[in-house]
Amino acid sequence: MQPDEQLEQQLSAAADRARSHGTPQPDGAFAASLRDRFEVSSPELDAMVDIAAATPGVVAARMTGAGFGGCTVNLVRPDAVEAFRATIEREYPERTGREPRVLAVTAADGAGVMAPSRNGG
């Protein structure tokens, strides 16, 4: 199995588990809570979450950071990343008048203990 196939299976399984436990999905419920209850969102963040949530292949879309115009984190299936990027780059400026910056990253292992280097540092 190729790494991308493995990741896609893991994402799909995680999404299934999340749905079965009532975890917020890309429908924007989490973002709506931040917007309505805590008033820490912005029209730009709301637009980004709305666009992402409506894009096929998006597993989750959330605001991150302290809000007030920060950024979103979007969990996107590997085969949908380029279509996601194209959708955001097309629709976000239409809705906000601002240019988005989409950074595609891959999840990695979390923090851990590092062995000291051989040169003493």
PDB file of N, CA and C in Angstrom:
ATOM      1  N   MET A   1       0.850  -1.177   0.000  1.00  0.00           N
ATOM      2  CA  MET A   1       0.000   0.000   0.000  1.00  0.00           C
ATOM      3  C   MET A   1       0.896   1.239   0.000  1.00  0.00           C
ATOM      4  N   GLN A   2       0.570   2.213  -0.835  1.00  0.00           N
ATOM      5  CA  GLN A   2       1.328   3.448  -0.928  1.00  0.00           C
ATOM      6  C   GLN A   2       0.997   4.354   0.259  1.00  0.00           C
ATOM      7  N   PRO A   3       1.953   5.241   0.667  1.00  0.00           N
ATOM      8  CA  PRO A   3       1.706   6.132   1.807  1.00  0.00           C
ATOM      9  C   PRO A   3       0.433   6.968   1.665  1.00  0.00           C
ATOM     10  N   ASP A   4       0.157   7.492   0.453  1.00  0.00           N
ATOM     11  CA  ASP A   4      -1.059   8.286   0.259  1.00  0.00           C
ATOM     12  C   ASP A   4      -2.313   7.450   0.462  1.00  0.00           C
ATOM     13  N   GLU A   5      -2.294   6.198   0.002  1.00  0.00           N
ATOM     14  CA  GLU A   5      -3.441   5.311   0.194  1.00  0.00           C
ATOM     15  C   GLU A   5      -3.646   5.017   1.672  1.00  0.00           C
ATOM     16  N   GLN A   6      -2.542   4.810   2.374  1.00  0.00           N
ATOM     17  CA  GLN A   6      -2.620   4.554   3.810  1.00  0.00           C
ATOM     18  C   GLN A   6      -3.218   5.757   4.527  1.00  0.00           C
ATOM     19  N   LEU A   7      -2.731   6.954   4.185  1.00  0.00           N
ATOM     20  CA  LEU A   7      -3.231   8.175   4.813  1.00  0.00           C
ATOM     21  C   LEU A   7      -4.711   8.358   4.519  1.00  0.00           C
ATOM     22  N   GLU A   8      -5.109   8.098   3.279  1.00  0.00           N
ATOM     23  CA  GLU A   8      -6.519   8.246   2.923  1.00  0.00           C
ATOM     24  C   GLU A   8      -7.393   7.290   3.731  1.00  0.00           C
ATOM     25  N   GLN A   9      -6.941   6.064   3.920  1.00  0.00           N
ATOM     26  CA  GLN A   9      -7.694   5.100   4.727  1.00  0.00           C
ATOM     27  C   GLN A   9      -7.766   5.565   6.182  1.00  0.00           C
ATOM     28  N   GLN A  10      -6.662   6.093   6.708  1.00  0.00           N
ATOM     29  CA  GLN A  10      -6.658   6.577   8.081  1.00  0.00           C
ATOM     30  C   GLN A  10      -7.595   7.769   8.245  1.00  0.00           C
ATOM     31  N   LEU A  11      -7.584   8.693   7.272  1.00  0.00           N
ATOM     32  CA  LEU A  11      -8.487   9.850   7.328  1.00  0.00           C
ATOM     33  C   LEU A  11      -9.946   9.409   7.277  1.00  0.00           C
ATOM     34  N   SER A  12     -10.234   8.480   6.393  1.00  0.00           N
ATOM     35  CA  SER A  12     -11.598   7.990   6.265  1.00  0.00           C
ATOM     36  C   SER A  12     -12.064   7.323   7.553  1.00  0.00           C
ATOM     37  N   ALA A  13     -11.199   6.499   8.143  1.00  0.00           N
ATOM     38  CA  ALA A  13     -11.552   5.843   9.406  1.00  0.00           C
ATOM     39  C   ALA A  13     -11.738   6.865  10.520  1.00  0.00           C
ATOM     40  N   ALA A  14     -10.878   7.880  10.564  1.00  0.00           N
ATOM     41  CA  ALA A  14     -11.010   8.920  11.590  1.00  0.00           C
ATOM     42  C   ALA A  14     -12.306   9.708  11.411  1.00  0.00           C
ATOM     43  N   ALA A  15     -12.660  10.001  10.167  1.00  0.00           N
ATOM     44  CA  ALA A  15     -13.909  10.717   9.908  1.00  0.00           C
ATOM     45  C   ALA A  15     -15.112   9.881  10.315  1.00  0.00           C
ATOM     46  N   ASP A  16     -15.075   8.582  10.029  1.00  0.00           N
ATOM     47  CA  ASP A  16     -16.167   7.696  10.435  1.00  0.00           C
ATOM     48  C   ASP A  16     -16.301   7.663  11.953  1.00  0.00           C
ATOM     49  N   ARG A  17     -15.164   7.559  12.657  1.00  0.00           N
ATOM     50  CA  ARG A  17     -15.206   7.558  14.131  1.00  0.00           C
ATOM     51  C   ARG A  17     -15.750   8.878  14.658  1.00  0.00           C
ATOM     52  N   ALA A  18     -15.308   9.979  14.051  1.00  0.00           N
ATOM     53  CA  ALA A  18     -15.770  11.300  14.492  1.00  0.00           C
ATOM     54  C   ALA A  18     -17.274  11.436  14.315  1.00  0.00           C
ATOM     55  N   ARG A  19     -17.778  10.994  13.150  1.00  0.00           N
ATOM     56  CA  ARG A  19     -19.224  11.078  12.906  1.00  0.00           C
ATOM     57  C   ARG A  19     -19.999  10.242  13.914  1.00  0.00           C
ATOM     58  N   SER A  20     -19.475   9.072  14.258  1.00  0.00           N
ATOM     59  CA  SER A  20     -20.193   8.192  15.180  1.00  0.00           C
ATOM     60  C   SER A  20     -20.183   8.728  16.607  1.00  0.00           C
ATOM     61  N   HIS A  21     -19.239   9.643  16.912  1.00  0.00           N
ATOM     62  CA  HIS A  21     -19.161  10.216  18.267  1.00  0.00           C
ATOM     63  C   HIS A  21     -19.708  11.632  18.335  1.00  0.00           C
ATOM     64  N   GLY A  22     -20.259  12.108  17.242  1.00  0.00           N
ATOM     65  CA  GLY A  22     -20.853  13.439  17.253  1.00  0.00           C
ATOM     66  C   GLY A  22     -19.835  14.568  17.200  1.00  0.00           C
ATOM     67  N   THR A  23     -18.619  14.288  16.750  1.00  0.00           N
ATOM     68  CA  THR A  23     -17.596  15.319  16.639  1.00  0.00           C
ATOM     69  C   THR A  23     -17.993  16.298  15.544  1.00  0.00           C
ATOM     70  N   PRO A  24     -17.760  17.616  15.742  1.00  0.00           N
ATOM     71  CA  PRO A  24     -18.125  18.581  14.710  1.00  0.00           C
ATOM     72  C   PRO A  24     -17.505  18.238  13.365  1.00  0.00           C
ATOM     73  N   GLN A  25     -18.307  18.321  12.329  1.00  0.00           N
ATOM     74  CA  GLN A  25     -17.876  18.021  10.978  1.00  0.00           C
ATOM     75  C   GLN A  25     -17.761  19.317  10.186  1.00  0.00           C
ATOM     76  N   PRO A  26     -17.431  19.224   8.907  1.00  0.00           N
ATOM     77  CA  PRO A  26     -17.231  20.429   8.118  1.00  0.00           C
ATOM     78  C   PRO A  26     -18.480  21.283   7.953  1.00  0.00           C
ATOM     79  N   ASP A  27     -19.572  20.939   8.623  1.00  0.00           N
ATOM     80  CA  ASP A  27     -20.790  21.723   8.465  1.00  0.00           C
ATOM     81  C   ASP A  27     -20.679  23.096   9.113  1.00  0.00           C
ATOM     82  N   GLY A  28     -19.577  23.360   9.813  1.00  0.00           N
ATOM     83  CA  GLY A  28     -19.367  24.684  10.380  1.00  0.00           C
ATOM     84  C   GLY A  28     -19.954  24.893  11.756  1.00  0.00           C
ATOM     85  N   ALA A  29     -20.451  23.853  12.415  1.00  0.00           N
ATOM     86  CA  ALA A  29     -21.048  24.026  13.740  1.00  0.00           C
ATOM     87  C   ALA A  29     -20.043  24.585  14.739  1.00  0.00           C
ATOM     88  N   PHE A  30     -18.814  24.101  14.686  1.00  0.00           N
ATOM     89  CA  PHE A  30     -17.782  24.598  15.589  1.00  0.00           C
ATOM     90  C   PHE A  30     -17.494  26.069  15.302  1.00  0.00           C
ATOM     91  N   ALA A  31     -17.342  26.407  14.025  1.00  0.00           N
ATOM     92  CA  ALA A  31     -17.073  27.793  13.644  1.00  0.00           C
ATOM     93  C   ALA A  31     -18.244  28.691  14.019  1.00  0.00           C
ATOM     94  N   ALA A  32     -19.462  28.196  13.848  1.00  0.00           N
ATOM     95  CA  ALA A  32     -20.638  28.989  14.219  1.00  0.00           C
ATOM     96  C   ALA A  32     -20.650  29.273  15.708  1.00  0.00           C
ATOM     97  N   SER A  33     -20.239  28.296  16.510  1.00  0.00           N
ATOM     98  CA  SER A  33     -20.164  28.497  17.945  1.00  0.00           C
ATOM     99  C   SER A  33     -19.154  29.587  18.283  1.00  0.00           C
ATOM    100  N   LEU A  34     -17.998  29.546  17.655  1.00  0.00           N
ATOM    101  CA  LEU A  34     -16.987  30.572  17.904  1.00  0.00           C
ATOM    102  C   LEU A  34     -17.483  31.941  17.459  1.00  0.00           C
ATOM    103  N   ARG A  35     -18.208  31.978  16.353  1.00  0.00           N
ATOM    104  CA  ARG A  35     -18.743  33.238  15.844  1.00  0.00           C
ATOM    105  C   ARG A  35     -19.865  33.770  16.733  1.00  0.00           C
ATOM    106  N   ASP A  36     -20.817  32.900  17.073  1.00  0.00           N
ATOM    107  CA  ASP A  36     -22.024  33.351  17.753  1.00  0.00           C
ATOM    108  C   ASP A  36     -21.898  33.430  19.275  1.00  0.00           C
ATOM    109  N   ARG A  37     -21.273  32.434  19.881  1.00  0.00           N
ATOM    110  CA  ARG A  37     -21.190  32.387  21.339  1.00  0.00           C
ATOM    111  C   ARG A  37     -20.015  33.178  21.891  1.00  0.00           C
ATOM    112  N   PHE A  38     -18.881  33.107  21.202  1.00  0.00           N
ATOM    113  CA  PHE A  38     -17.672  33.733  21.736  1.00  0.00           C
ATOM    114  C   PHE A  38     -17.263  34.989  20.976  1.00  0.00           C
ATOM    115  N   GLU A  39     -17.898  35.243  19.842  1.00  0.00           N
ATOM    116  CA  GLU A  39     -17.659  36.434  19.033  1.00  0.00           C
ATOM    117  C   GLU A  39     -16.182  36.649  18.730  1.00  0.00           C
ATOM    118  N   VAL A  40     -15.477  35.564  18.349  1.00  0.00           N
ATOM    119  CA  VAL A  40     -14.058  35.676  18.034  1.00  0.00           C
ATOM    120  C   VAL A  40     -13.759  35.391  16.562  1.00  0.00           C
ATOM    121  N   SER A  41     -14.792  35.278  15.759  1.00  0.00           N
ATOM    122  CA  SER A  41     -14.585  35.018  14.349  1.00  0.00           C
ATOM    123  C   SER A  41     -14.600  36.333  13.585  1.00  0.00           C
ATOM    124  N   SER A  42     -14.585  36.243  12.284  1.00  0.00           N
ATOM    125  CA  SER A  42     -14.672  37.410  11.414  1.00  0.00           C
ATOM    126  C   SER A  42     -15.365  36.965  10.128  1.00  0.00           C
ATOM    127  N   PRO A  43     -15.860  37.899   9.334  1.00  0.00           N
ATOM    128  CA  PRO A  43     -16.494  37.497   8.073  1.00  0.00           C
ATOM    129  C   PRO A  43     -15.538  36.707   7.172  1.00  0.00           C
ATOM    130  N   GLU A  44     -14.247  37.056   7.202  1.00  0.00           N
ATOM    131  CA  GLU A  44     -13.268  36.346   6.376  1.00  0.00           C
ATOM    132  C   GLU A  44     -13.104  34.896   6.837  1.00  0.00           C
ATOM    133  N   LEU A  45     -13.004  34.689   8.150  1.00  0.00           N
ATOM    134  CA  LEU A  45     -12.894  33.320   8.666  1.00  0.00           C
ATOM    135  C   LEU A  45     -14.157  32.524   8.377  1.00  0.00           C
ATOM    136  N   ASP A  46     -15.300  33.169   8.576  1.00  0.00           N
ATOM    137  CA  ASP A  46     -16.568  32.492   8.298  1.00  0.00           C
ATOM    138  C   ASP A  46     -16.635  32.056   6.836  1.00  0.00           C
ATOM    139  N   ALA A  47     -16.191  32.940   5.925  1.00  0.00           N
ATOM    140  CA  ALA A  47     -16.205  32.611   4.504  1.00  0.00           C
ATOM    141  C   ALA A  47     -15.276  31.435   4.220  1.00  0.00           C
ATOM    142  N   MET A  48     -14.087  31.441   4.830  1.00  0.00           N
ATOM    143  CA  MET A  48     -13.131  30.355   4.583  1.00  0.00           C
ATOM    144  C   MET A  48     -13.701  29.016   5.042  1.00  0.00           C
ATOM    145  N   VAL A  49     -14.302  28.987   6.229  1.00  0.00           N
ATOM    146  CA  VAL A  49     -14.882  27.737   6.740  1.00  0.00           C
ATOM    147  C   VAL A  49     -16.064  27.311   5.872  1.00  0.00           C
ATOM    148  N   ASP A  50     -16.902  28.241   5.477  1.00  0.00           N
ATOM    149  CA  ASP A  50     -18.055  27.910   4.632  1.00  0.00           C
ATOM    150  C   ASP A  50     -17.618  27.321   3.291  1.00  0.00           C
ATOM    151  N   ILE A  51     -16.636  27.948   2.661  1.00  0.00           N
ATOM    152  CA  ILE A  51     -16.155  27.458   1.366  1.00  0.00           C
ATOM    153  C   ILE A  51     -15.533  26.078   1.532  1.00  0.00           C
ATOM    154  N   ALA A  52     -14.686  25.932   2.545  1.00  0.00           N
ATOM    155  CA  ALA A  52     -14.019  24.648   2.771  1.00  0.00           C
ATOM    156  C   ALA A  52     -15.034  23.546   3.044  1.00  0.00           C
ATOM    157  N   ALA A  53     -16.000  23.815   3.905  1.00  0.00           N
ATOM    158  CA  ALA A  53     -16.977  22.800   4.281  1.00  0.00           C
ATOM    159  C   ALA A  53     -17.808  22.332   3.089  1.00  0.00           C
ATOM    160  N   ALA A  54     -17.972  23.193   2.100  1.00  0.00           N
ATOM    161  CA  ALA A  54     -18.767  22.840   0.927  1.00  0.00           C
ATOM    162  C   ALA A  54     -17.928  22.181  -0.168  1.00  0.00           C
ATOM    163  N   THR A  55     -16.637  22.024   0.057  1.00  0.00           N
ATOM    164  CA  THR A  55     -15.741  21.479  -0.956  1.00  0.00           C
ATOM    165  C   THR A  55     -15.612  19.974  -0.799  1.00  0.00           C
ATOM    166  N   PRO A  56     -15.879  19.201  -1.852  1.00  0.00           N
ATOM    167  CA  PRO A  56     -15.728  17.745  -1.766  1.00  0.00           C
ATOM    168  C   PRO A  56     -14.307  17.358  -1.361  1.00  0.00           C
ATOM    169  N   GLY A  57     -14.210  16.374  -0.477  1.00  0.00           N
ATOM    170  CA  GLY A  57     -12.913  15.899  -0.023  1.00  0.00           C
ATOM    171  C   GLY A  57     -12.454  16.517   1.283  1.00  0.00           C
ATOM    172  N   VAL A  58     -13.181  17.523   1.769  1.00  0.00           N
ATOM    173  CA  VAL A  58     -12.829  18.143   3.046  1.00  0.00           C
ATOM    174  C   VAL A  58     -13.470  17.327   4.157  1.00  0.00           C
ATOM    175  N   VAL A  59     -12.644  16.853   5.076  1.00  0.00           N
ATOM    176  CA  VAL A  59     -13.116  16.041   6.194  1.00  0.00           C
ATOM    177  C   VAL A  59     -13.503  16.931   7.366  1.00  0.00           C
ATOM    178  N   ALA A  60     -12.768  18.010   7.583  1.00  0.00           N
ATOM    179  CA  ALA A  60     -13.057  18.948   8.673  1.00  0.00           C
ATOM    180  C   ALA A  60     -12.504  20.312   8.319  1.00  0.00           C
ATOM    181  N   ALA A  61     -13.179  21.358   8.795  1.00  0.00           N
ATOM    182  CA  ALA A  61     -12.752  22.737   8.573  1.00  0.00           C
ATOM    183  C   ALA A  61     -12.979  23.506   9.863  1.00  0.00           C
ATOM    184  N   ARG A  62     -11.916  24.127  10.387  1.00  0.00           N
ATOM    185  CA  ARG A  62     -12.037  24.845  11.652  1.00  0.00           C
ATOM    186  C   ARG A  62     -11.171  26.095  11.664  1.00  0.00           C
ATOM    187  N   MET A  63     -11.616  27.057  12.431  1.00  0.00           N
ATOM    188  CA  MET A  63     -10.797  28.219  12.728  1.00  0.00           C
ATOM    189  C   MET A  63      -9.732  27.771  13.728  1.00  0.00           C
ATOM    190  N   THR A  64      -8.568  28.387  13.677  1.00  0.00           N
ATOM    191  CA  THR A  64      -7.537  28.078  14.652  1.00  0.00           C
ATOM    192  C   THR A  64      -6.902  29.372  15.142  1.00  0.00           C
ATOM    193  N   GLY A  65      -6.174  29.274  16.216  1.00  0.00           N
ATOM    194  CA  GLY A  65      -5.569  30.463  16.798  1.00  0.00           C
ATOM    195  C   GLY A  65      -6.570  31.189  17.671  1.00  0.00           C
ATOM    196  N   ALA A  66      -6.348  32.444  17.879  1.00  0.00           N
ATOM    197  CA  ALA A  66      -7.194  33.230  18.781  1.00  0.00           C
ATOM    198  C   ALA A  66      -8.363  33.888  18.068  1.00  0.00           C
ATOM    199  N   GLY A  67      -8.512  33.640  16.800  1.00  0.00           N
ATOM    200  CA  GLY A  67      -9.621  34.235  16.061  1.00  0.00           C
ATOM    201  C   GLY A  67      -9.292  35.655  15.629  1.00  0.00           C
ATOM    202  N   PHE A  68     -10.317  36.463  15.472  1.00  0.00           N
ATOM    203  CA  PHE A  68     -10.164  37.854  15.070  1.00  0.00           C
ATOM    204  C   PHE A  68      -9.363  37.992  13.779  1.00  0.00           C
ATOM    205  N   GLY A  69      -9.645  37.109  12.811  1.00  0.00           N
ATOM    206  CA  GLY A  69      -9.000  37.213  11.517  1.00  0.00           C
ATOM    207  C   GLY A  69      -7.805  36.297  11.347  1.00  0.00           C
ATOM    208  N   GLY A  70      -7.735  35.243  12.115  1.00  0.00           N
ATOM    209  CA  GLY A  70      -6.611  34.305  12.061  1.00  0.00           C
ATOM    210  C   GLY A  70      -6.627  33.437  10.834  1.00  0.00           C
ATOM    211  N   CYS A  71      -6.682  32.128  11.020  1.00  0.00           N
ATOM    212  CA  CYS A  71      -6.651  31.217   9.881  1.00  0.00           C
ATOM    213  C   CYS A  71      -7.500  29.990  10.197  1.00  0.00           C
ATOM    214  N   THR A  72      -7.616  29.141   9.194  1.00  0.00           N
ATOM    215  CA  THR A  72      -8.349  27.901   9.374  1.00  0.00           C
ATOM    216  C   THR A  72      -7.422  26.722   9.124  1.00  0.00           C
ATOM    217  N   VAL A  73      -7.773  25.608   9.721  1.00  0.00           N
ATOM    218  CA  VAL A  73      -7.108  24.341   9.453  1.00  0.00           C
ATOM    219  C   VAL A  73      -8.159  23.453   8.822  1.00  0.00           C
ATOM    220  N   ASN A  74      -7.815  22.879   7.684  1.00  0.00           N
ATOM    221  CA  ASN A  74      -8.760  22.063   6.940  1.00  0.00           C
ATOM    222  C   ASN A  74      -8.150  20.698   6.708  1.00  0.00           C
ATOM    223  N   LEU A  75      -8.825  19.682   7.155  1.00  0.00           N
ATOM    224  CA  LEU A  75      -8.369  18.310   6.933  1.00  0.00           C
ATOM    225  C   LEU A  75      -8.971  17.864   5.602  1.00  0.00           C
ATOM    226  N   VAL A  76      -8.092  17.634   4.623  1.00  0.00           N
ATOM    227  CA  VAL A  76      -8.520  17.378   3.253  1.00  0.00           C
ATOM    228  C   VAL A  76      -7.931  16.051   2.784  1.00  0.00           C
ATOM    229  N   ARG A  77      -8.745  15.249   2.135  1.00  0.00           N
ATOM    230  CA  ARG A  77      -8.242  13.981   1.588  1.00  0.00           C
ATOM    231  C   ARG A  77      -7.121  14.286   0.591  1.00  0.00           C
ATOM    232  N   PRO A  78      -6.069  13.454   0.585  1.00  0.00           N
ATOM    233  CA  PRO A  78      -4.926  13.715  -0.302  1.00  0.00           C
ATOM    234  C   PRO A  78      -5.303  13.913  -1.768  1.00  0.00           C
ATOM    235  N   ASP A  79      -6.271  13.166  -2.251  1.00  0.00           N
ATOM    236  CA  ASP A  79      -6.642  13.291  -3.661  1.00  0.00           C
ATOM    237  C   ASP A  79      -7.486  14.530  -3.948  1.00  0.00           C
ATOM    238  N   ALA A  80      -7.840  15.284  -2.928  1.00  0.00           N
ATOM    239  CA  ALA A  80      -8.685  16.459  -3.110  1.00  0.00           C
ATOM    240  C   ALA A  80      -7.954  17.774  -2.841  1.00  0.00           C
ATOM    241  N   VAL A  81      -6.678  17.703  -2.494  1.00  0.00           N
ATOM    242  CA  VAL A  81      -5.939  18.910  -2.091  1.00  0.00           C
ATOM    243  C   VAL A  81      -5.890  19.944  -3.207  1.00  0.00           C
ATOM    244  N   GLU A  82      -5.559  19.539  -4.422  1.00  0.00           N
ATOM    245  CA  GLU A  82      -5.442  20.526  -5.504  1.00  0.00           C
ATOM    246  C   GLU A  82      -6.797  21.142  -5.848  1.00  0.00           C
ATOM    247  N   ALA A  83      -7.859  20.354  -5.834  1.00  0.00           N
ATOM    248  CA  ALA A  83      -9.196  20.904  -6.084  1.00  0.00           C
ATOM    249  C   ALA A  83      -9.605  21.842  -4.956  1.00  0.00           C
ATOM    250  N   PHE A  84      -9.247  21.489  -3.716  1.00  0.00           N
ATOM    251  CA  PHE A  84      -9.518  22.361  -2.567  1.00  0.00           C
ATOM    252  C   PHE A  84      -8.804  23.701  -2.762  1.00  0.00           C
ATOM    253  N   ARG A  85      -7.510  23.634  -3.092  1.00  0.00           N
ATOM    254  CA  ARG A  85      -6.731  24.861  -3.298  1.00  0.00           C
ATOM    255  C   ARG A  85      -7.380  25.736  -4.371  1.00  0.00           C
ATOM    256  N   ALA A  86      -7.743  25.122  -5.496  1.00  0.00           N
ATOM    257  CA  ALA A  86      -8.342  25.872  -6.598  1.00  0.00           C
ATOM    258  C   ALA A  86      -9.662  26.517  -6.176  1.00  0.00           C
ATOM    259  N   THR A  87     -10.466  25.790  -5.419  1.00  0.00           N
ATOM    260  CA  THR A  87     -11.754  26.326  -4.957  1.00  0.00           C
ATOM    261  C   THR A  87     -11.543  27.512  -4.032  1.00  0.00           C
ATOM    262  N   ILE A  88     -10.636  27.373  -3.066  1.00  0.00           N
ATOM    263  CA  ILE A  88     -10.355  28.472  -2.135  1.00  0.00           C
ATOM    264  C   ILE A  88      -9.812  29.676  -2.890  1.00  0.00           C
ATOM    265  N   GLU A  89      -8.856  29.446  -3.783  1.00  0.00           N
ATOM    266  CA  GLU A  89      -8.241  30.556  -4.518  1.00  0.00           C
ATOM    267  C   GLU A  89      -9.224  31.252  -5.451  1.00  0.00           C
ATOM    268  N   ARG A  90     -10.273  30.565  -5.878  1.00  0.00           N
ATOM    269  CA  ARG A  90     -11.290  31.165  -6.750  1.00  0.00           C
ATOM    270  C   ARG A  90     -12.391  31.856  -5.933  1.00  0.00           C
ATOM    271  N   GLU A  91     -12.932  31.150  -4.937  1.00  0.00           N
ATOM    272  CA  GLU A  91     -14.125  31.654  -4.250  1.00  0.00           C
ATOM    273  C   GLU A  91     -13.831  32.644  -3.117  1.00  0.00           C
ATOM    274  N   TYR A  92     -12.735  32.455  -2.414  1.00  0.00           N
ATOM    275  CA  TYR A  92     -12.456  33.334  -1.270  1.00  0.00           C
ATOM    276  C   TYR A  92     -12.304  34.800  -1.684  1.00  0.00           C
ATOM    277  N   PRO A  93     -11.519  35.111  -2.732  1.00  0.00           N
ATOM    278  CA  PRO A  93     -11.427  36.518  -3.140  1.00  0.00           C
ATOM    279  C   PRO A  93     -12.762  37.096  -3.604  1.00  0.00           C
ATOM    280  N   GLU A  94     -13.586  36.251  -4.249  1.00  0.00           N
ATOM    281  CA  GLU A  94     -14.898  36.714  -4.695  1.00  0.00           C
ATOM    282  C   GLU A  94     -15.752  37.154  -3.512  1.00  0.00           C
ATOM    283  N   ARG A  95     -15.647  36.427  -2.391  1.00  0.00           N
ATOM    284  CA  ARG A  95     -16.478  36.717  -1.224  1.00  0.00           C
ATOM    285  C   ARG A  95     -15.898  37.772  -0.301  1.00  0.00           C
ATOM    286  N   THR A  96     -14.565  37.910  -0.286  1.00  0.00           N
ATOM    287  CA  THR A  96     -13.950  38.777   0.719  1.00  0.00           C
ATOM    288  C   THR A  96     -13.135  39.926   0.149  1.00  0.00           C
ATOM    289  N   GLY A  97     -12.740  39.828  -1.122  1.00  0.00           N
ATOM    290  CA  GLY A  97     -11.851  40.842  -1.680  1.00  0.00           C
ATOM    291  C   GLY A  97     -10.406  40.658  -1.239  1.00  0.00           C
ATOM    292  N   ARG A  98     -10.109  39.556  -0.584  1.00  0.00           N
ATOM    293  CA  ARG A  98      -8.750  39.271  -0.098  1.00  0.00           C
ATOM    294  C   ARG A  98      -8.203  38.037  -0.787  1.00  0.00           C
ATOM    295  N   GLU A  99      -6.891  37.985  -0.880  1.00  0.00           N
ATOM    296  CA  GLU A  99      -6.226  36.829  -1.469  1.00  0.00           C
ATOM    297  C   GLU A  99      -5.867  35.826  -0.376  1.00  0.00           C
ATOM    298  N   PRO A 100      -6.258  34.557  -0.538  1.00  0.00           N
ATOM    299  CA  PRO A 100      -5.918  33.551   0.474  1.00  0.00           C
ATOM    300  C   PRO A 100      -4.509  33.012   0.267  1.00  0.00           C
ATOM    301  N   ARG A 101      -3.984  32.425   1.303  1.00  0.00           N
ATOM    302  CA  ARG A 101      -2.726  31.686   1.202  1.00  0.00           C
ATOM    303  C   ARG A 101      -3.018  30.277   1.676  1.00  0.00           C
ATOM    304  N   VAL A 102      -2.902  29.318   0.791  1.00  0.00           N
ATOM    305  CA  VAL A 102      -3.186  27.920   1.111  1.00  0.00           C
ATOM    306  C   VAL A 102      -1.861  27.187   1.250  1.00  0.00           C
ATOM    307  N   LEU A 103      -1.651  26.606   2.415  1.00  0.00           N
ATOM    308  CA  LEU A 103      -0.434  25.846   2.678  1.00  0.00           C
ATOM    309  C   LEU A 103      -0.816  24.384   2.857  1.00  0.00           C
ATOM    310  N   ALA A 104      -0.372  23.550   1.937  1.00  0.00           N
ATOM    311  CA  ALA A 104      -0.645  22.114   2.039  1.00  0.00           C
ATOM    312  C   ALA A 104       0.484  21.481   2.838  1.00  0.00           C
ATOM    313  N   VAL A 105       0.128  20.800   3.909  1.00  0.00           N
ATOM    314  CA  VAL A 105       1.112  20.133   4.758  1.00  0.00           C
ATOM    315  C   VAL A 105       0.682  18.693   4.978  1.00  0.00           C
ATOM    316  N   THR A 106       1.604  17.904   5.464  1.00  0.00           N
ATOM    317  CA  THR A 106       1.320  16.513   5.769  1.00  0.00           C
ATOM    318  C   THR A 106       1.546  16.301   7.259  1.00  0.00           C
ATOM    319  N   ALA A 107       0.648  15.583   7.889  1.00  0.00           N
ATOM    320  CA  ALA A 107       0.786  15.305   9.316  1.00  0.00           C
ATOM    321  C   ALA A 107       2.044  14.480   9.564  1.00  0.00           C
ATOM    322  N   ALA A 108       2.647  14.722  10.708  1.00  0.00           N
ATOM    323  CA  ALA A 108       3.852  13.984  11.096  1.00  0.00           C
ATOM    324  C   ALA A 108       3.707  13.551  12.542  1.00  0.00           C
ATOM    325  N   ASP A 109       4.626  12.705  12.980  1.00  0.00           N
ATOM    326  CA  ASP A 109       4.611  12.303  14.382  1.00  0.00           C
ATOM    327  C   ASP A 109       4.707  13.541  15.265  1.00  0.00           C
ATOM    328  N   GLY A 110       4.145  13.455  16.445  1.00  0.00           N
ATOM    329  CA  GLY A 110       4.176  14.558  17.393  1.00  0.00           C
ATOM    330  C   GLY A 110       5.533  14.717  18.055  1.00  0.00           C
ATOM    331  N   ALA A 111       5.543  15.495  19.116  1.00  0.00           N
ATOM    332  CA  ALA A 111       6.778  15.757  19.842  1.00  0.00           C
ATOM    333  C   ALA A 111       7.329  14.473  20.437  1.00  0.00           C
ATOM    334  N   GLY A 112       8.617  14.426  20.605  1.00  0.00           N
ATOM    335  CA  GLY A 112       9.246  13.246  21.176  1.00  0.00           C
ATOM    336  C   GLY A 112      10.614  13.591  21.723  1.00  0.00           C
ATOM    337  N   VAL A 113      11.239  12.642  22.340  1.00  0.00           N
ATOM    338  CA  VAL A 113      12.564  12.828  22.906  1.00  0.00           C
ATOM    339  C   VAL A 113      13.590  12.616  21.801  1.00  0.00           C
ATOM    340  N   MET A 114      14.514  13.523  21.705  1.00  0.00           N
ATOM    341  CA  MET A 114      15.578  13.408  20.704  1.00  0.00           C
ATOM    342  C   MET A 114      16.858  12.967  21.391  1.00  0.00           C
ATOM    343  N   ALA A 115      17.573  12.092  20.741  1.00  0.00           N
ATOM    344  CA  ALA A 115      18.864  11.652  21.264  1.00  0.00           C
ATOM    345  C   ALA A 115      19.887  12.761  21.054  1.00  0.00           C
ATOM    346  N   PRO A 116      20.821  12.950  21.997  1.00  0.00           N
ATOM    347  CA  PRO A 116      21.862  13.976  21.810  1.00  0.00           C
ATOM    348  C   PRO A 116      22.673  13.657  20.572  1.00  0.00           C
ATOM    349  N   SER A 117      23.141  14.681  19.906  1.00  0.00           N
ATOM    350  CA  SER A 117      23.952  14.464  18.710  1.00  0.00           C
ATOM    351  C   SER A 117      25.330  13.949  19.099  1.00  0.00           C
ATOM    352  N   ARG A 118      25.992  13.346  18.171  1.00  0.00           N
ATOM    353  CA  ARG A 118      27.317  12.758  18.435  1.00  0.00           C
ATOM    354  C   ARG A 118      28.385  13.818  18.657  1.00  0.00           C
ATOM    355  N   ASN A 119      28.141  15.039  18.173  1.00  0.00           N
ATOM    356  CA  ASN A 119      29.157  16.069  18.334  1.00  0.00           C
ATOM    357  C   ASN A 119      28.995  16.859  19.629  1.00  0.00           C
ATOM    358  N   GLY A 120      28.184  16.327  20.548  1.00  0.00           N
ATOM    359  CA  GLY A 120      28.036  16.936  21.874  1.00  0.00           C
ATOM    360  C   GLY A 120      26.970  18.006  21.963  1.00  0.00           C
ATOM    361  N   GLY A 121      26.220  18.282  20.901  1.00  0.00           N
ATOM    362  CA  GLY A 121      25.256  19.346  20.952  1.00  0.00           C
ATOM    363  C   GLY A 121      23.916  18.900  21.029  1.00  0.00           C
TER     364      GLY A 121
END
